N, C-alpha and C. Protein backbone atom coordinates (compact mmCIF):
# COMPACT_ATOMS: atom_id res chain seq x y z
N MET A 1 0.82 -1.20 0.00
CA MET A 1 0.00 0.00 0.00
C MET A 1 0.87 1.26 0.00
N GLU A 2 2.03 1.18 0.64
CA GLU A 2 2.91 2.34 0.67
C GLU A 2 3.39 2.71 -0.73
N GLN A 3 3.68 1.68 -1.56
CA GLN A 3 4.15 1.94 -2.91
C GLN A 3 3.10 2.73 -3.70
N LYS A 4 1.83 2.38 -3.54
CA LYS A 4 0.77 3.08 -4.26
C LYS A 4 0.68 4.54 -3.82
N ALA A 5 0.87 4.79 -2.52
CA ALA A 5 0.85 6.16 -2.03
C ALA A 5 2.02 6.93 -2.64
N ASP A 6 3.18 6.28 -2.80
CA ASP A 6 4.34 6.94 -3.40
C ASP A 6 4.08 7.24 -4.88
N ILE A 7 3.43 6.32 -5.59
CA ILE A 7 3.09 6.55 -7.00
C ILE A 7 2.23 7.79 -7.13
N GLU A 8 1.22 7.89 -6.31
CA GLU A 8 0.33 9.04 -6.37
C GLU A 8 1.08 10.33 -6.05
N ALA A 9 1.90 10.32 -5.02
CA ALA A 9 2.65 11.52 -4.63
C ALA A 9 3.60 11.95 -5.74
N LEU A 10 4.29 11.00 -6.34
CA LEU A 10 5.22 11.33 -7.42
C LEU A 10 4.48 11.96 -8.60
N LEU A 11 3.38 11.36 -9.01
CA LEU A 11 2.62 11.89 -10.14
C LEU A 11 2.06 13.27 -9.84
N ARG A 12 1.55 13.46 -8.63
CA ARG A 12 0.99 14.77 -8.28
C ARG A 12 2.08 15.84 -8.23
N ASN A 13 3.35 15.40 -8.05
CA ASN A 13 4.48 16.34 -8.05
C ASN A 13 5.14 16.46 -9.42
N GLY A 14 4.53 15.85 -10.45
CA GLY A 14 5.02 16.02 -11.81
C GLY A 14 6.02 14.99 -12.30
N THR A 15 6.24 13.91 -11.54
CA THR A 15 7.23 12.90 -11.91
C THR A 15 6.57 11.68 -12.53
N PRO A 16 6.97 11.28 -13.74
CA PRO A 16 6.45 10.03 -14.32
C PRO A 16 6.91 8.83 -13.50
N VAL A 17 6.11 7.77 -13.50
CA VAL A 17 6.45 6.57 -12.74
C VAL A 17 6.22 5.32 -13.59
N GLY A 18 6.99 4.29 -13.28
CA GLY A 18 6.80 2.99 -13.89
C GLY A 18 6.45 1.99 -12.80
N PHE A 19 5.54 1.09 -13.09
CA PHE A 19 5.17 0.07 -12.11
C PHE A 19 4.50 -1.10 -12.82
N LYS A 20 4.36 -2.20 -12.08
CA LYS A 20 3.68 -3.39 -12.58
C LYS A 20 2.27 -3.41 -11.98
N PRO A 21 1.27 -3.17 -12.81
CA PRO A 21 -0.11 -3.21 -12.30
C PRO A 21 -0.47 -4.61 -11.79
N GLN A 22 -1.34 -4.65 -10.81
CA GLN A 22 -1.82 -5.91 -10.25
C GLN A 22 -3.26 -6.13 -10.68
N GLY A 23 -3.70 -7.35 -10.59
CA GLY A 23 -5.09 -7.67 -10.90
C GLY A 23 -5.29 -7.97 -12.37
N SER A 24 -6.52 -8.38 -12.70
CA SER A 24 -6.81 -8.82 -14.06
C SER A 24 -7.78 -7.90 -14.79
N SER A 25 -8.11 -6.75 -14.24
CA SER A 25 -9.14 -5.90 -14.85
C SER A 25 -8.74 -5.33 -16.20
N MET A 26 -7.46 -5.26 -16.52
CA MET A 26 -7.02 -4.72 -17.80
C MET A 26 -6.51 -5.80 -18.77
N HIS A 27 -6.73 -7.05 -18.41
CA HIS A 27 -6.36 -8.16 -19.30
C HIS A 27 -7.24 -8.11 -20.53
N PRO A 28 -6.85 -8.33 -21.71
CA PRO A 28 -5.55 -8.84 -22.15
C PRO A 28 -4.52 -7.75 -22.46
N THR A 29 -4.88 -6.48 -22.36
CA THR A 29 -3.92 -5.42 -22.69
C THR A 29 -2.75 -5.40 -21.72
N ILE A 30 -3.06 -5.47 -20.43
CA ILE A 30 -2.02 -5.46 -19.40
C ILE A 30 -2.17 -6.74 -18.59
N VAL A 31 -1.10 -7.53 -18.56
CA VAL A 31 -1.13 -8.81 -17.85
C VAL A 31 -0.30 -8.68 -16.58
N ALA A 32 -0.97 -8.87 -15.44
CA ALA A 32 -0.31 -8.78 -14.14
C ALA A 32 0.83 -9.78 -14.05
N GLY A 33 1.96 -9.34 -13.48
CA GLY A 33 3.11 -10.20 -13.32
C GLY A 33 4.02 -10.25 -14.54
N ARG A 34 3.52 -9.83 -15.68
CA ARG A 34 4.33 -9.83 -16.90
C ARG A 34 4.61 -8.41 -17.37
N ASP A 35 3.60 -7.58 -17.43
CA ASP A 35 3.71 -6.25 -18.04
C ASP A 35 3.94 -5.16 -17.00
N SER A 36 4.60 -4.11 -17.45
CA SER A 36 4.78 -2.88 -16.67
C SER A 36 4.21 -1.74 -17.49
N VAL A 37 3.97 -0.62 -16.83
CA VAL A 37 3.47 0.57 -17.50
C VAL A 37 4.27 1.79 -17.07
N ILE A 38 4.28 2.78 -17.93
CA ILE A 38 4.80 4.11 -17.59
C ILE A 38 3.58 5.02 -17.55
N VAL A 39 3.42 5.72 -16.43
CA VAL A 39 2.32 6.66 -16.26
C VAL A 39 2.92 8.02 -16.00
N GLU A 40 2.43 9.01 -16.74
CA GLU A 40 2.88 10.38 -16.58
C GLU A 40 1.77 11.20 -15.94
N PRO A 41 2.13 12.33 -15.30
CA PRO A 41 1.09 13.19 -14.74
C PRO A 41 0.11 13.62 -15.83
N LEU A 42 -1.15 13.69 -15.48
CA LEU A 42 -2.19 14.07 -16.43
C LEU A 42 -2.06 15.55 -16.82
N GLU A 43 -1.70 16.37 -15.86
CA GLU A 43 -1.52 17.81 -16.05
C GLU A 43 -2.71 18.42 -16.79
N ASP A 44 -2.47 19.11 -17.89
CA ASP A 44 -3.55 19.81 -18.60
C ASP A 44 -4.13 19.00 -19.75
N ARG A 45 -3.74 17.74 -19.87
CA ARG A 45 -4.26 16.90 -20.96
C ARG A 45 -5.74 16.63 -20.74
N LYS A 46 -6.49 16.69 -21.81
CA LYS A 46 -7.92 16.38 -21.77
C LYS A 46 -8.09 14.89 -22.07
N PRO A 47 -8.57 14.11 -21.10
CA PRO A 47 -8.77 12.68 -21.36
C PRO A 47 -9.77 12.46 -22.49
N LYS A 48 -9.49 11.43 -23.29
CA LYS A 48 -10.39 11.10 -24.40
C LYS A 48 -10.62 9.59 -24.42
N ARG A 49 -11.66 9.18 -25.11
CA ARG A 49 -12.01 7.77 -25.22
C ARG A 49 -10.79 6.96 -25.65
N GLY A 50 -10.55 5.90 -24.90
CA GLY A 50 -9.44 5.01 -25.21
C GLY A 50 -8.21 5.23 -24.37
N ASP A 51 -8.04 6.43 -23.77
CA ASP A 51 -6.89 6.67 -22.90
C ASP A 51 -6.97 5.76 -21.69
N VAL A 52 -5.80 5.36 -21.18
CA VAL A 52 -5.74 4.59 -19.94
C VAL A 52 -5.26 5.55 -18.86
N LEU A 53 -6.12 5.75 -17.85
CA LEU A 53 -5.85 6.72 -16.79
C LEU A 53 -5.72 6.04 -15.43
N LEU A 54 -4.89 6.62 -14.59
CA LEU A 54 -4.77 6.19 -13.20
C LEU A 54 -5.63 7.13 -12.36
N PHE A 55 -6.52 6.55 -11.56
CA PHE A 55 -7.37 7.37 -10.71
C PHE A 55 -7.55 6.71 -9.35
N ARG A 56 -8.00 7.51 -8.40
CA ARG A 56 -8.30 6.98 -7.06
C ARG A 56 -9.81 6.94 -6.90
N ARG A 57 -10.30 5.75 -6.56
CA ARG A 57 -11.74 5.62 -6.31
C ARG A 57 -12.09 6.42 -5.06
N SER A 58 -13.30 6.92 -5.04
CA SER A 58 -13.76 7.68 -3.88
C SER A 58 -13.87 6.73 -2.67
N ARG A 59 -13.84 7.30 -1.50
CA ARG A 59 -13.93 6.51 -0.26
C ARG A 59 -15.28 5.82 -0.12
N ASP A 60 -16.30 6.32 -0.84
CA ASP A 60 -17.63 5.72 -0.73
C ASP A 60 -17.98 4.86 -1.96
N ALA A 61 -16.98 4.51 -2.75
CA ALA A 61 -17.22 3.66 -3.93
C ALA A 61 -17.72 2.29 -3.49
N GLU A 62 -18.57 1.70 -4.33
CA GLU A 62 -19.11 0.37 -4.02
C GLU A 62 -18.01 -0.68 -3.99
N ARG A 63 -17.14 -0.64 -4.98
CA ARG A 63 -16.08 -1.65 -5.09
C ARG A 63 -14.73 -1.04 -4.75
N PHE A 64 -14.04 -1.65 -3.82
CA PHE A 64 -12.67 -1.27 -3.46
C PHE A 64 -12.51 0.23 -3.23
N PRO A 65 -13.22 0.80 -2.26
CA PRO A 65 -13.14 2.24 -2.00
C PRO A 65 -11.71 2.71 -1.72
N GLY A 66 -11.36 3.86 -2.27
CA GLY A 66 -10.06 4.47 -2.04
C GLY A 66 -8.90 3.86 -2.81
N MET A 67 -9.16 2.85 -3.62
CA MET A 67 -8.10 2.14 -4.33
C MET A 67 -7.62 2.92 -5.56
N LEU A 68 -6.32 2.80 -5.86
CA LEU A 68 -5.80 3.32 -7.12
C LEU A 68 -6.14 2.33 -8.21
N VAL A 69 -6.65 2.84 -9.34
CA VAL A 69 -7.12 1.99 -10.43
C VAL A 69 -6.58 2.52 -11.76
N LEU A 70 -6.18 1.59 -12.62
CA LEU A 70 -5.72 1.92 -13.96
C LEU A 70 -6.71 1.31 -14.94
N HIS A 71 -7.58 2.16 -15.53
CA HIS A 71 -8.62 1.70 -16.46
C HIS A 71 -8.68 2.61 -17.67
N ARG A 72 -9.46 2.19 -18.64
CA ARG A 72 -9.59 2.89 -19.91
C ARG A 72 -10.80 3.82 -19.90
N VAL A 73 -10.65 4.99 -20.54
CA VAL A 73 -11.76 5.92 -20.68
C VAL A 73 -12.78 5.31 -21.64
N HIS A 74 -14.00 5.14 -21.14
CA HIS A 74 -15.09 4.63 -21.98
C HIS A 74 -15.79 5.78 -22.68
N ARG A 75 -16.05 6.84 -21.92
CA ARG A 75 -16.64 8.03 -22.52
C ARG A 75 -16.42 9.24 -21.60
N VAL A 76 -16.42 10.40 -22.24
CA VAL A 76 -16.27 11.67 -21.51
C VAL A 76 -17.55 12.45 -21.73
N ARG A 77 -18.17 12.85 -20.61
CA ARG A 77 -19.41 13.63 -20.68
C ARG A 77 -19.29 14.85 -19.78
N LYS A 78 -20.27 15.71 -19.85
CA LYS A 78 -20.26 16.93 -19.02
C LYS A 78 -20.29 16.58 -17.53
N ASP A 79 -20.98 15.48 -17.17
CA ASP A 79 -21.10 15.13 -15.76
C ASP A 79 -19.88 14.38 -15.22
N GLY A 80 -18.93 14.03 -16.08
CA GLY A 80 -17.72 13.35 -15.63
C GLY A 80 -17.20 12.36 -16.65
N ILE A 81 -16.21 11.60 -16.21
CA ILE A 81 -15.57 10.61 -17.07
C ILE A 81 -15.99 9.22 -16.62
N TYR A 82 -16.29 8.38 -17.60
CA TYR A 82 -16.72 7.01 -17.34
C TYR A 82 -15.59 6.07 -17.75
N MET A 83 -15.24 5.15 -16.86
CA MET A 83 -14.08 4.28 -17.05
C MET A 83 -14.52 2.82 -17.08
N VAL A 84 -13.70 2.00 -17.74
CA VAL A 84 -13.95 0.56 -17.78
C VAL A 84 -12.61 -0.17 -17.95
N GLY A 85 -12.47 -1.29 -17.23
CA GLY A 85 -11.31 -2.14 -17.42
C GLY A 85 -11.49 -2.95 -18.70
N ASP A 86 -10.39 -3.32 -19.32
CA ASP A 86 -10.48 -4.10 -20.56
C ASP A 86 -11.06 -5.49 -20.32
N ASN A 87 -11.09 -5.93 -19.08
CA ASN A 87 -11.64 -7.23 -18.72
C ASN A 87 -12.86 -7.07 -17.82
N GLU A 88 -13.54 -5.94 -17.95
CA GLU A 88 -14.68 -5.63 -17.10
C GLU A 88 -15.93 -5.42 -17.93
N LYS A 89 -17.07 -5.75 -17.37
CA LYS A 89 -18.35 -5.48 -18.01
C LYS A 89 -18.90 -4.13 -17.56
N GLN A 90 -18.73 -3.85 -16.29
CA GLN A 90 -19.35 -2.68 -15.68
C GLN A 90 -18.55 -1.41 -15.94
N VAL A 91 -19.24 -0.39 -16.42
CA VAL A 91 -18.65 0.93 -16.62
C VAL A 91 -18.78 1.68 -15.31
N GLU A 92 -17.71 2.36 -14.91
CA GLU A 92 -17.67 3.08 -13.64
C GLU A 92 -17.70 4.57 -13.89
N GLY A 93 -18.59 5.27 -13.19
CA GLY A 93 -18.61 6.71 -13.36
C GLY A 93 -19.98 7.28 -13.06
N PRO A 94 -20.12 8.57 -13.12
CA PRO A 94 -19.11 9.54 -13.54
C PRO A 94 -18.08 9.80 -12.45
N LEU A 95 -16.83 9.92 -12.87
CA LEU A 95 -15.74 10.24 -11.96
C LEU A 95 -15.40 11.72 -12.10
N LYS A 96 -14.96 12.31 -10.99
CA LYS A 96 -14.64 13.73 -10.96
C LYS A 96 -13.20 13.97 -11.42
N PRO A 97 -12.92 15.10 -12.04
CA PRO A 97 -11.57 15.40 -12.53
C PRO A 97 -10.49 15.27 -11.46
N GLU A 98 -10.81 15.62 -10.22
CA GLU A 98 -9.78 15.57 -9.16
C GLU A 98 -9.40 14.14 -8.77
N GLN A 99 -10.16 13.14 -9.22
CA GLN A 99 -9.83 11.75 -8.92
C GLN A 99 -8.70 11.23 -9.83
N PHE A 100 -8.44 11.91 -10.94
CA PHE A 100 -7.47 11.43 -11.92
C PHE A 100 -6.08 11.93 -11.59
N ILE A 101 -5.12 11.01 -11.69
CA ILE A 101 -3.75 11.29 -11.27
C ILE A 101 -2.77 11.25 -12.43
N GLY A 102 -2.96 10.31 -13.35
CA GLY A 102 -1.99 10.16 -14.43
C GLY A 102 -2.57 9.46 -15.64
N ILE A 103 -1.77 9.44 -16.71
CA ILE A 103 -2.15 8.82 -17.97
C ILE A 103 -1.04 7.87 -18.41
N MET A 104 -1.42 6.67 -18.81
CA MET A 104 -0.45 5.69 -19.28
C MET A 104 0.09 6.14 -20.63
N THR A 105 1.43 6.15 -20.75
CA THR A 105 2.05 6.55 -22.01
C THR A 105 2.80 5.40 -22.67
N GLU A 106 3.14 4.37 -21.89
CA GLU A 106 3.85 3.22 -22.45
C GLU A 106 3.44 1.95 -21.74
N LEU A 107 3.42 0.88 -22.50
CA LEU A 107 3.25 -0.48 -21.99
C LEU A 107 4.59 -1.17 -22.22
N ILE A 108 5.09 -1.86 -21.21
CA ILE A 108 6.36 -2.57 -21.35
C ILE A 108 6.07 -4.06 -21.24
N ARG A 109 6.31 -4.76 -22.34
CA ARG A 109 6.04 -6.20 -22.41
C ARG A 109 7.32 -6.90 -22.86
N ASN A 110 7.79 -7.81 -22.01
CA ASN A 110 9.02 -8.57 -22.32
C ASN A 110 10.17 -7.65 -22.71
N GLY A 111 10.29 -6.54 -22.00
CA GLY A 111 11.38 -5.61 -22.23
C GLY A 111 11.16 -4.65 -23.39
N LYS A 112 10.10 -4.83 -24.14
CA LYS A 112 9.83 -3.96 -25.29
C LYS A 112 8.86 -2.85 -24.88
N HIS A 113 9.23 -1.61 -25.17
CA HIS A 113 8.40 -0.45 -24.86
C HIS A 113 7.44 -0.19 -26.01
N ILE A 114 6.15 -0.18 -25.69
CA ILE A 114 5.12 0.07 -26.69
C ILE A 114 4.40 1.35 -26.30
N GLY A 115 4.60 2.40 -27.05
CA GLY A 115 3.96 3.68 -26.77
C GLY A 115 2.48 3.62 -27.12
N VAL A 116 1.68 4.37 -26.39
CA VAL A 116 0.24 4.36 -26.64
C VAL A 116 -0.12 5.02 -27.97
N LYS A 117 0.83 5.67 -28.60
CA LYS A 117 0.59 6.25 -29.92
C LYS A 117 0.96 5.28 -31.04
N ASN A 118 1.52 4.13 -30.69
CA ASN A 118 1.86 3.09 -31.65
C ASN A 118 0.59 2.67 -32.39
N LEU A 119 0.66 2.63 -33.71
CA LEU A 119 -0.51 2.36 -34.53
C LEU A 119 -1.16 1.01 -34.21
N LYS A 120 -0.35 -0.03 -34.05
CA LYS A 120 -0.89 -1.36 -33.74
C LYS A 120 -1.60 -1.35 -32.38
N TYR A 121 -0.95 -0.73 -31.38
CA TYR A 121 -1.57 -0.62 -30.05
C TYR A 121 -2.91 0.11 -30.13
N ARG A 122 -2.91 1.26 -30.81
CA ARG A 122 -4.14 2.06 -30.91
C ARG A 122 -5.25 1.30 -31.61
N LEU A 123 -4.92 0.63 -32.69
CA LEU A 123 -5.92 -0.11 -33.44
C LEU A 123 -6.52 -1.24 -32.60
N LEU A 124 -5.65 -2.03 -31.98
CA LEU A 124 -6.14 -3.17 -31.19
C LEU A 124 -6.96 -2.72 -29.98
N THR A 125 -6.52 -1.67 -29.30
CA THR A 125 -7.27 -1.24 -28.12
C THR A 125 -8.58 -0.55 -28.49
N ARG A 126 -8.61 0.14 -29.62
CA ARG A 126 -9.88 0.76 -30.06
C ARG A 126 -10.90 -0.30 -30.44
N ILE A 127 -10.43 -1.35 -31.13
CA ILE A 127 -11.33 -2.46 -31.48
C ILE A 127 -11.85 -3.13 -30.22
N TRP A 128 -10.96 -3.38 -29.26
CA TRP A 128 -11.35 -4.04 -28.01
C TRP A 128 -12.37 -3.19 -27.24
N LEU A 129 -12.18 -1.88 -27.22
CA LEU A 129 -13.11 -0.99 -26.54
C LEU A 129 -14.46 -0.98 -27.26
N PHE A 130 -14.43 -0.93 -28.58
CA PHE A 130 -15.66 -0.96 -29.36
C PHE A 130 -16.44 -2.25 -29.12
N LEU A 131 -15.73 -3.35 -28.94
CA LEU A 131 -16.37 -4.66 -28.74
C LEU A 131 -16.80 -4.91 -27.29
N ARG A 132 -16.63 -3.93 -26.41
CA ARG A 132 -16.93 -4.13 -24.99
C ARG A 132 -18.25 -4.84 -24.74
N PRO A 133 -19.35 -4.46 -25.36
CA PRO A 133 -20.61 -5.13 -25.04
C PRO A 133 -20.66 -6.60 -25.49
N PHE A 134 -19.78 -6.98 -26.40
CA PHE A 134 -19.84 -8.32 -26.98
C PHE A 134 -18.66 -9.22 -26.64
N ARG A 135 -17.58 -8.66 -26.14
CA ARG A 135 -16.34 -9.43 -26.02
C ARG A 135 -16.42 -10.61 -25.06
N PHE A 136 -17.35 -10.58 -24.10
CA PHE A 136 -17.43 -11.70 -23.16
C PHE A 136 -17.99 -12.96 -23.82
N VAL A 137 -18.63 -12.78 -24.96
CA VAL A 137 -19.06 -13.94 -25.74
C VAL A 137 -17.83 -14.70 -26.22
N PHE A 138 -16.77 -13.95 -26.57
CA PHE A 138 -15.55 -14.55 -27.10
C PHE A 138 -14.59 -15.02 -26.02
N THR A 139 -14.63 -14.38 -24.85
CA THR A 139 -13.63 -14.66 -23.82
C THR A 139 -14.14 -15.53 -22.68
N SER A 140 -15.44 -15.77 -22.61
CA SER A 140 -15.99 -16.55 -21.51
C SER A 140 -15.52 -17.99 -21.56
N LYS A 141 -15.08 -18.49 -20.41
CA LYS A 141 -14.66 -19.88 -20.33
C LYS A 141 -15.85 -20.82 -20.20
N LYS A 142 -16.98 -20.27 -19.80
CA LYS A 142 -18.20 -21.07 -19.62
C LYS A 142 -19.18 -20.77 -20.75
N ARG A 143 -18.84 -21.20 -21.92
CA ARG A 143 -19.71 -20.97 -23.08
C ARG A 143 -20.84 -21.97 -23.09
N LYS A 144 -22.01 -21.48 -23.46
CA LYS A 144 -23.18 -22.35 -23.58
C LYS A 144 -23.13 -23.00 -24.95
N ARG A 145 -23.51 -24.26 -25.03
CA ARG A 145 -23.50 -24.96 -26.32
C ARG A 145 -24.85 -24.93 -26.94
């Protein structure tokens, strides 16, 4: 837990950080135990659909209150930003601007740095986001015959 507090403090002070995300909510894009990410301070950047942002859940959130979360922007509206994990069905939001801490700029897989502006990365993640309502048909281990 101390490491996560340090990540937040560094980002809020303008320092980019690298870390290995935990959990499976961003699978298959980010695989826990294998992949690392570089997250930079959000600063004045306007989040847009498809960006992967680091945010802190509110203390009164239904799931894992107060936790740092790295998820993808599902949509941006006037009432806030809606987020979803690449391996999640439920969209979370609206989230307030002050909850956002950083933006993922690189994925590191097997020592290879993949920037979020990489054409292959952008194409694959946009398709995966577009398929959100349907992708569990393809990924479910308990398929009905």
